[in-house]
Amino acid sequence: MRFLRAALAFLGAVIVAAATGSLWQTHRNIVAIETLGHEVPAGLALRTAGQDLAGFAPMYAALCGTAFLVAFPIAAWLWRRLDGGRLALFAVAGAAAVLTMLAVMDLALPVTAIAAARTALGTAGLALAGAAAGAVFAGATAPPRAY
């Protein structure tokens, strides 16, 4: 039962990171288009967000999930050795996982593959999505009175 709870919490965290990261990416792209002087009607923006959730989010989920497989066990190990701070540890682990994933991608690929990561603000938004995912995982797997 404990494994199932952890697996579902992990899946929830990956969904949070992928969905919020995808929506953030869409938003940043639309802002970039509008900065060039082109108007993006609300209906088009919503359709684009839906298409990104269907097309970009699954790939992004796989990347985030892989990064979380490294980061969350490290956060759990640290939590067992420190006094409290479970939510913060997992939030930091989620953000660090996303930032590390983006850095590895930048080293491995000739271009920045995730458009939102081309600016500091875009990268910060993706990291915050990772932090939210870490917080979701921490909350869903917390033993009683773990905070």
N, C-alpha and C. Protein backbone atom coordinates (compact mmCIF):
# COMPACT_ATOMS: atom_id res chain seq x y z
N MET A 1 0.82 -1.20 0.00
CA MET A 1 0.00 0.00 0.00
C MET A 1 0.87 1.26 0.00
N ARG A 2 1.97 1.22 0.75
CA ARG A 2 2.86 2.37 0.83
C ARG A 2 3.49 2.67 -0.54
N PHE A 3 3.87 1.60 -1.26
CA PHE A 3 4.45 1.78 -2.59
C PHE A 3 3.43 2.40 -3.55
N LEU A 4 2.20 1.93 -3.49
CA LEU A 4 1.15 2.47 -4.36
C LEU A 4 0.92 3.95 -4.06
N ARG A 5 0.91 4.31 -2.79
CA ARG A 5 0.73 5.72 -2.41
C ARG A 5 1.88 6.56 -2.95
N ALA A 6 3.11 6.07 -2.83
CA ALA A 6 4.27 6.80 -3.34
C ALA A 6 4.22 6.90 -4.86
N ALA A 7 3.82 5.83 -5.53
CA ALA A 7 3.74 5.85 -7.00
C ALA A 7 2.69 6.84 -7.48
N LEU A 8 1.54 6.85 -6.82
CA LEU A 8 0.50 7.81 -7.20
C LEU A 8 0.93 9.24 -6.90
N ALA A 9 1.62 9.45 -5.79
CA ALA A 9 2.13 10.78 -5.46
C ALA A 9 3.15 11.23 -6.50
N PHE A 10 4.00 10.30 -6.92
CA PHE A 10 5.00 10.62 -7.94
C PHE A 10 4.31 10.99 -9.25
N LEU A 11 3.32 10.21 -9.65
CA LEU A 11 2.57 10.50 -10.87
C LEU A 11 1.90 11.87 -10.77
N GLY A 12 1.31 12.16 -9.62
CA GLY A 12 0.70 13.47 -9.42
C GLY A 12 1.71 14.60 -9.54
N ALA A 13 2.89 14.40 -8.97
CA ALA A 13 3.94 15.43 -9.05
C ALA A 13 4.37 15.64 -10.50
N VAL A 14 4.53 14.56 -11.24
CA VAL A 14 4.93 14.67 -12.65
C VAL A 14 3.85 15.40 -13.45
N ILE A 15 2.60 15.09 -13.19
CA ILE A 15 1.49 15.76 -13.89
C ILE A 15 1.48 17.26 -13.57
N VAL A 16 1.69 17.60 -12.31
CA VAL A 16 1.73 19.02 -11.93
C VAL A 16 2.87 19.73 -12.66
N ALA A 17 4.05 19.14 -12.64
CA ALA A 17 5.19 19.77 -13.32
C ALA A 17 4.96 19.90 -14.81
N ALA A 18 4.45 18.83 -15.43
CA ALA A 18 4.26 18.85 -16.89
C ALA A 18 3.16 19.82 -17.30
N ALA A 19 2.05 19.81 -16.59
CA ALA A 19 0.94 20.69 -16.96
C ALA A 19 1.29 22.15 -16.72
N THR A 20 1.81 22.47 -15.53
CA THR A 20 2.14 23.87 -15.26
C THR A 20 3.32 24.34 -16.11
N GLY A 21 4.29 23.46 -16.32
CA GLY A 21 5.41 23.82 -17.19
C GLY A 21 4.96 24.06 -18.63
N SER A 22 4.06 23.22 -19.10
CA SER A 22 3.54 23.38 -20.46
C SER A 22 2.75 24.68 -20.61
N LEU A 23 1.89 24.95 -19.64
CA LEU A 23 1.11 26.19 -19.69
C LEU A 23 2.02 27.42 -19.58
N TRP A 24 3.05 27.32 -18.77
CA TRP A 24 4.02 28.43 -18.65
C TRP A 24 4.74 28.62 -19.98
N GLN A 25 5.15 27.53 -20.60
CA GLN A 25 5.82 27.61 -21.90
C GLN A 25 4.91 28.29 -22.93
N THR A 26 3.65 27.89 -22.97
CA THR A 26 2.69 28.50 -23.89
C THR A 26 2.59 30.00 -23.63
N HIS A 27 2.44 30.36 -22.38
CA HIS A 27 2.32 31.77 -22.01
C HIS A 27 3.54 32.56 -22.46
N ARG A 28 4.73 32.04 -22.19
CA ARG A 28 5.95 32.76 -22.56
C ARG A 28 6.05 32.91 -24.08
N ASN A 29 5.65 31.87 -24.82
CA ASN A 29 5.69 31.96 -26.29
C ASN A 29 4.71 33.00 -26.81
N ILE A 30 3.52 33.04 -26.22
CA ILE A 30 2.53 34.02 -26.65
C ILE A 30 3.01 35.43 -26.32
N VAL A 31 3.60 35.61 -25.15
CA VAL A 31 4.16 36.92 -24.80
C VAL A 31 5.24 37.32 -25.81
N ALA A 32 6.08 36.38 -26.21
CA ALA A 32 7.13 36.69 -27.19
C ALA A 32 6.53 37.11 -28.52
N ILE A 33 5.46 36.47 -28.95
CA ILE A 33 4.80 36.83 -30.20
C ILE A 33 4.18 38.22 -30.09
N GLU A 34 3.54 38.49 -28.95
CA GLU A 34 2.93 39.81 -28.76
C GLU A 34 3.98 40.91 -28.66
N THR A 35 5.13 40.58 -28.14
CA THR A 35 6.23 41.55 -28.05
C THR A 35 6.69 41.98 -29.45
N LEU A 36 6.53 41.08 -30.40
CA LEU A 36 6.88 41.40 -31.78
C LEU A 36 5.82 42.26 -32.46
N GLY A 37 4.72 42.55 -31.76
CA GLY A 37 3.68 43.41 -32.30
C GLY A 37 2.49 42.68 -32.89
N HIS A 38 2.42 41.38 -32.69
CA HIS A 38 1.30 40.61 -33.21
C HIS A 38 0.31 40.32 -32.08
N GLU A 39 -0.96 40.54 -32.37
CA GLU A 39 -1.99 40.25 -31.38
C GLU A 39 -2.34 38.77 -31.43
N VAL A 40 -2.47 38.16 -30.26
CA VAL A 40 -2.88 36.76 -30.17
C VAL A 40 -4.25 36.75 -29.49
N PRO A 41 -5.31 36.48 -30.26
CA PRO A 41 -6.65 36.46 -29.67
C PRO A 41 -6.76 35.39 -28.58
N ALA A 42 -7.64 35.64 -27.63
CA ALA A 42 -7.80 34.74 -26.49
C ALA A 42 -8.14 33.32 -26.93
N GLY A 43 -9.00 33.19 -27.93
CA GLY A 43 -9.38 31.86 -28.41
C GLY A 43 -8.18 31.09 -28.96
N LEU A 44 -7.33 31.79 -29.70
CA LEU A 44 -6.13 31.16 -30.24
C LEU A 44 -5.17 30.78 -29.11
N ALA A 45 -5.05 31.65 -28.11
CA ALA A 45 -4.18 31.36 -26.97
C ALA A 45 -4.67 30.11 -26.23
N LEU A 46 -5.98 29.99 -26.04
CA LEU A 46 -6.53 28.81 -25.36
C LEU A 46 -6.34 27.55 -26.19
N ARG A 47 -6.55 27.63 -27.49
CA ARG A 47 -6.33 26.47 -28.37
C ARG A 47 -4.86 26.05 -28.34
N THR A 48 -3.99 27.04 -28.36
CA THR A 48 -2.56 26.75 -28.33
C THR A 48 -2.18 26.08 -27.01
N ALA A 49 -2.75 26.56 -25.91
CA ALA A 49 -2.47 25.94 -24.61
C ALA A 49 -2.94 24.48 -24.61
N GLY A 50 -4.11 24.23 -25.16
CA GLY A 50 -4.61 22.86 -25.25
C GLY A 50 -3.73 21.98 -26.12
N GLN A 51 -3.29 22.51 -27.24
CA GLN A 51 -2.41 21.74 -28.12
C GLN A 51 -1.07 21.46 -27.44
N ASP A 52 -0.56 22.43 -26.69
CA ASP A 52 0.69 22.21 -25.97
C ASP A 52 0.53 21.18 -24.86
N LEU A 53 -0.62 21.20 -24.18
CA LEU A 53 -0.87 20.18 -23.15
C LEU A 53 -0.91 18.79 -23.77
N ALA A 54 -1.46 18.69 -24.97
CA ALA A 54 -1.54 17.39 -25.65
C ALA A 54 -0.22 16.99 -26.30
N GLY A 55 0.53 17.96 -26.80
CA GLY A 55 1.74 17.65 -27.56
C GLY A 55 3.04 17.79 -26.80
N PHE A 56 3.21 18.89 -26.09
CA PHE A 56 4.46 19.15 -25.39
C PHE A 56 4.50 18.51 -24.01
N ALA A 57 3.39 18.56 -23.29
CA ALA A 57 3.38 18.10 -21.90
C ALA A 57 3.79 16.64 -21.73
N PRO A 58 3.38 15.71 -22.59
CA PRO A 58 3.82 14.32 -22.38
C PRO A 58 5.35 14.15 -22.46
N MET A 59 5.97 14.82 -23.42
CA MET A 59 7.43 14.75 -23.52
C MET A 59 8.08 15.41 -22.31
N TYR A 60 7.53 16.53 -21.91
CA TYR A 60 8.07 17.25 -20.76
C TYR A 60 7.86 16.43 -19.49
N ALA A 61 6.76 15.71 -19.40
CA ALA A 61 6.50 14.83 -18.25
C ALA A 61 7.57 13.76 -18.14
N ALA A 62 7.95 13.18 -19.27
CA ALA A 62 8.99 12.15 -19.26
C ALA A 62 10.32 12.73 -18.77
N LEU A 63 10.64 13.94 -19.21
CA LEU A 63 11.88 14.57 -18.77
C LEU A 63 11.84 14.89 -17.28
N CYS A 64 10.74 15.48 -16.83
CA CYS A 64 10.61 15.82 -15.41
C CYS A 64 10.61 14.56 -14.55
N GLY A 65 9.88 13.55 -14.98
CA GLY A 65 9.82 12.31 -14.23
C GLY A 65 11.20 11.70 -14.05
N THR A 66 11.99 11.72 -15.10
CA THR A 66 13.36 11.19 -15.02
C THR A 66 14.18 12.00 -14.01
N ALA A 67 14.04 13.31 -14.06
CA ALA A 67 14.78 14.17 -13.13
C ALA A 67 14.32 13.96 -11.69
N PHE A 68 13.02 13.78 -11.49
CA PHE A 68 12.48 13.57 -10.15
C PHE A 68 12.92 12.22 -9.57
N LEU A 69 13.14 11.24 -10.44
CA LEU A 69 13.61 9.93 -9.96
C LEU A 69 14.97 10.03 -9.27
N VAL A 70 15.72 11.05 -9.61
CA VAL A 70 17.00 11.29 -8.94
C VAL A 70 16.81 12.22 -7.75
N ALA A 71 16.06 13.29 -7.94
CA ALA A 71 15.96 14.34 -6.92
C ALA A 71 15.15 13.94 -5.69
N PHE A 72 14.04 13.26 -5.87
CA PHE A 72 13.18 12.95 -4.73
C PHE A 72 13.82 11.97 -3.74
N PRO A 73 14.52 10.94 -4.21
CA PRO A 73 15.22 10.09 -3.22
C PRO A 73 16.30 10.84 -2.45
N ILE A 74 16.96 11.77 -3.10
CA ILE A 74 17.96 12.58 -2.39
C ILE A 74 17.27 13.44 -1.33
N ALA A 75 16.13 14.03 -1.68
CA ALA A 75 15.38 14.83 -0.70
C ALA A 75 14.92 13.96 0.46
N ALA A 76 14.48 12.74 0.18
CA ALA A 76 14.04 11.83 1.24
C ALA A 76 15.21 11.47 2.15
N TRP A 77 16.36 11.23 1.56
CA TRP A 77 17.56 10.90 2.34
C TRP A 77 17.93 12.08 3.25
N LEU A 78 17.91 13.27 2.70
CA LEU A 78 18.23 14.46 3.50
C LEU A 78 17.20 14.66 4.62
N TRP A 79 15.93 14.46 4.30
CA TRP A 79 14.88 14.66 5.30
C TRP A 79 15.07 13.71 6.49
N ARG A 80 15.47 12.50 6.22
CA ARG A 80 15.69 11.54 7.31
C ARG A 80 16.85 11.94 8.20
N ARG A 81 17.75 12.76 7.71
CA ARG A 81 18.92 13.17 8.48
C ARG A 81 18.79 14.56 9.09
N LEU A 82 17.81 15.31 8.65
CA LEU A 82 17.60 16.66 9.17
C LEU A 82 16.35 16.68 10.03
N ASP A 83 16.20 17.72 10.77
CA ASP A 83 15.05 17.84 11.65
C ASP A 83 13.99 18.72 11.00
N GLY A 84 13.00 18.10 10.35
CA GLY A 84 11.90 18.85 9.74
C GLY A 84 12.24 19.37 8.36
N GLY A 85 11.38 20.22 7.87
CA GLY A 85 11.57 20.86 6.58
C GLY A 85 11.25 19.98 5.38
N ARG A 86 10.41 18.97 5.55
CA ARG A 86 10.10 18.04 4.47
C ARG A 86 9.55 18.76 3.23
N LEU A 87 8.55 19.59 3.42
CA LEU A 87 7.94 20.28 2.29
C LEU A 87 8.97 21.13 1.55
N ALA A 88 9.77 21.88 2.29
CA ALA A 88 10.78 22.73 1.67
C ALA A 88 11.84 21.89 0.94
N LEU A 89 12.25 20.80 1.54
CA LEU A 89 13.26 19.95 0.90
C LEU A 89 12.77 19.41 -0.43
N PHE A 90 11.54 18.91 -0.46
CA PHE A 90 11.03 18.36 -1.70
C PHE A 90 10.74 19.45 -2.72
N ALA A 91 10.31 20.62 -2.28
CA ALA A 91 10.11 21.73 -3.22
C ALA A 91 11.44 22.15 -3.85
N VAL A 92 12.46 22.27 -3.04
CA VAL A 92 13.79 22.61 -3.56
C VAL A 92 14.28 21.50 -4.50
N ALA A 93 14.05 20.25 -4.11
CA ALA A 93 14.46 19.12 -4.97
C ALA A 93 13.75 19.17 -6.32
N GLY A 94 12.47 19.50 -6.33
CA GLY A 94 11.73 19.60 -7.58
C GLY A 94 12.27 20.70 -8.47
N ALA A 95 12.53 21.85 -7.87
CA ALA A 95 13.09 22.97 -8.64
C ALA A 95 14.49 22.63 -9.15
N ALA A 96 15.31 22.06 -8.28
CA ALA A 96 16.67 21.69 -8.67
C ALA A 96 16.67 20.64 -9.77
N ALA A 97 15.72 19.71 -9.72
CA ALA A 97 15.63 18.68 -10.75
C ALA A 97 15.35 19.31 -12.11
N VAL A 98 14.41 20.25 -12.14
CA VAL A 98 14.08 20.90 -13.41
C VAL A 98 15.26 21.73 -13.91
N LEU A 99 15.89 22.48 -13.02
CA LEU A 99 17.04 23.29 -13.44
C LEU A 99 18.19 22.42 -13.95
N THR A 100 18.43 21.31 -13.28
CA THR A 100 19.49 20.39 -13.72
C THR A 100 19.14 19.78 -15.07
N MET A 101 17.88 19.37 -15.23
CA MET A 101 17.43 18.81 -16.50
C MET A 101 17.65 19.81 -17.63
N LEU A 102 17.29 21.07 -17.40
CA LEU A 102 17.46 22.10 -18.42
C LEU A 102 18.95 22.33 -18.73
N ALA A 103 19.79 22.31 -17.70
CA ALA A 103 21.23 22.50 -17.90
C ALA A 103 21.82 21.34 -18.70
N VAL A 104 21.42 20.12 -18.39
CA VAL A 104 21.92 18.96 -19.13
C VAL A 104 21.47 19.04 -20.58
N MET A 105 20.23 19.43 -20.80
CA MET A 105 19.73 19.57 -22.17
C MET A 105 20.53 20.63 -22.93
N ASP A 106 20.84 21.73 -22.26
CA ASP A 106 21.62 22.78 -22.91
C ASP A 106 23.01 22.29 -23.30
N LEU A 107 23.60 21.45 -22.45
CA LEU A 107 24.92 20.89 -22.76
C LEU A 107 24.85 19.86 -23.88
N ALA A 108 23.77 19.10 -23.92
CA ALA A 108 23.68 17.99 -24.87
C ALA A 108 23.15 18.39 -26.24
N LEU A 109 22.40 19.46 -26.31
CA LEU A 109 21.75 19.84 -27.57
C LEU A 109 22.35 21.14 -28.12
N PRO A 110 22.32 21.31 -29.42
CA PRO A 110 22.90 22.53 -30.01
C PRO A 110 22.03 23.78 -29.82
N VAL A 111 20.76 23.61 -29.44
CA VAL A 111 19.86 24.74 -29.20
C VAL A 111 19.11 24.50 -27.89
N THR A 112 18.54 25.55 -27.34
CA THR A 112 17.68 25.40 -26.16
C THR A 112 16.37 24.81 -26.63
N ALA A 113 16.13 23.57 -26.28
CA ALA A 113 14.99 22.84 -26.82
C ALA A 113 13.65 23.31 -26.25
N ILE A 114 13.66 23.85 -25.05
CA ILE A 114 12.43 24.32 -24.42
C ILE A 114 12.45 25.84 -24.45
N ALA A 115 11.59 26.40 -25.27
CA ALA A 115 11.62 27.84 -25.54
C ALA A 115 11.53 28.68 -24.27
N ALA A 116 10.72 28.26 -23.31
CA ALA A 116 10.58 29.05 -22.09
C ALA A 116 11.90 29.17 -21.34
N ALA A 117 12.81 28.23 -21.55
CA ALA A 117 14.09 28.24 -20.84
C ALA A 117 15.12 29.16 -21.49
N ARG A 118 14.71 29.93 -22.47
CA ARG A 118 15.64 30.84 -23.14
C ARG A 118 15.81 32.16 -22.40
N THR A 119 14.97 32.40 -21.39
CA THR A 119 15.11 33.61 -20.58
C THR A 119 15.15 33.23 -19.11
N ALA A 120 15.67 34.13 -18.30
CA ALA A 120 15.71 33.87 -16.86
C ALA A 120 14.31 33.75 -16.28
N LEU A 121 13.40 34.60 -16.73
CA LEU A 121 12.02 34.54 -16.24
C LEU A 121 11.36 33.23 -16.64
N GLY A 122 11.56 32.81 -17.87
CA GLY A 122 11.00 31.55 -18.33
C GLY A 122 11.56 30.37 -17.55
N THR A 123 12.85 30.37 -17.32
CA THR A 123 13.49 29.30 -16.55
C THR A 123 12.98 29.30 -15.12
N ALA A 124 12.82 30.48 -14.54
CA ALA A 124 12.31 30.57 -13.17
C ALA A 124 10.90 29.98 -13.06
N GLY A 125 10.06 30.24 -14.06
CA GLY A 125 8.72 29.69 -14.06
C GLY A 125 8.72 28.17 -14.12
N LEU A 126 9.60 27.62 -14.95
CA LEU A 126 9.70 26.16 -15.04
C LEU A 126 10.21 25.57 -13.72
N ALA A 127 11.16 26.27 -13.09
CA ALA A 127 11.67 25.81 -11.79
C ALA A 127 10.57 25.87 -10.72
N LEU A 128 9.75 26.91 -10.76
CA LEU A 128 8.64 27.00 -9.80
C LEU A 128 7.64 25.87 -10.01
N ALA A 129 7.42 25.49 -11.26
CA ALA A 129 6.55 24.33 -11.53
C ALA A 129 7.15 23.08 -10.92
N GLY A 130 8.46 22.94 -11.00
CA GLY A 130 9.14 21.81 -10.37
C GLY A 130 9.02 21.86 -8.86
N ALA A 131 9.11 23.05 -8.29
CA ALA A 131 8.95 23.21 -6.84
C ALA A 131 7.55 22.82 -6.41
N ALA A 132 6.55 23.22 -7.19
CA ALA A 132 5.17 22.84 -6.87
C ALA A 132 5.01 21.32 -6.93
N ALA A 133 5.64 20.70 -7.91
CA ALA A 133 5.58 19.24 -8.02
C ALA A 133 6.22 18.58 -6.80
N GLY A 134 7.36 19.09 -6.37
CA GLY A 134 8.00 18.55 -5.18
C GLY A 134 7.13 18.70 -3.95
N ALA A 135 6.45 19.84 -3.83
CA ALA A 135 5.56 20.06 -2.69
C ALA A 135 4.38 19.09 -2.73
N VAL A 136 3.85 18.84 -3.93
CA VAL A 136 2.76 17.87 -4.07
C VAL A 136 3.22 16.49 -3.60
N PHE A 137 4.40 16.09 -4.05
CA PHE A 137 4.92 14.78 -3.65
C PHE A 137 5.13 14.70 -2.14
N ALA A 138 5.70 15.75 -1.57
CA ALA A 138 5.94 15.77 -0.12
C ALA A 138 4.65 15.67 0.65
N GLY A 139 3.66 16.43 0.23
CA GLY A 139 2.38 16.40 0.93
C GLY A 139 1.67 15.07 0.82
N ALA A 140 1.74 14.46 -0.36
CA ALA A 140 1.02 13.21 -0.59
C ALA A 140 1.69 12.00 0.05
N THR A 141 2.97 12.12 0.36
CA THR A 141 3.70 10.98 0.94
C THR A 141 4.10 11.20 2.39
N ALA A 142 3.70 12.31 2.95
CA ALA A 142 4.16 12.66 4.30
C ALA A 142 3.60 11.73 5.35
N PRO A 143 4.48 11.25 6.23
CA PRO A 143 3.97 10.54 7.40
C PRO A 143 3.26 11.53 8.31
N PRO A 144 2.44 11.08 9.22
CA PRO A 144 1.77 12.02 10.14
C PRO A 144 2.79 12.91 10.85
N ARG A 145 2.46 14.18 10.89
CA ARG A 145 3.29 15.18 11.58
C ARG A 145 4.72 15.28 11.04
N ALA A 146 4.87 15.16 9.70
CA ALA A 146 6.20 15.22 9.09
C ALA A 146 6.66 16.66 8.86
N TYR A 147 5.81 17.61 9.04
CA TYR A 147 6.19 18.98 8.75
C TYR A 147 6.64 19.65 10.00
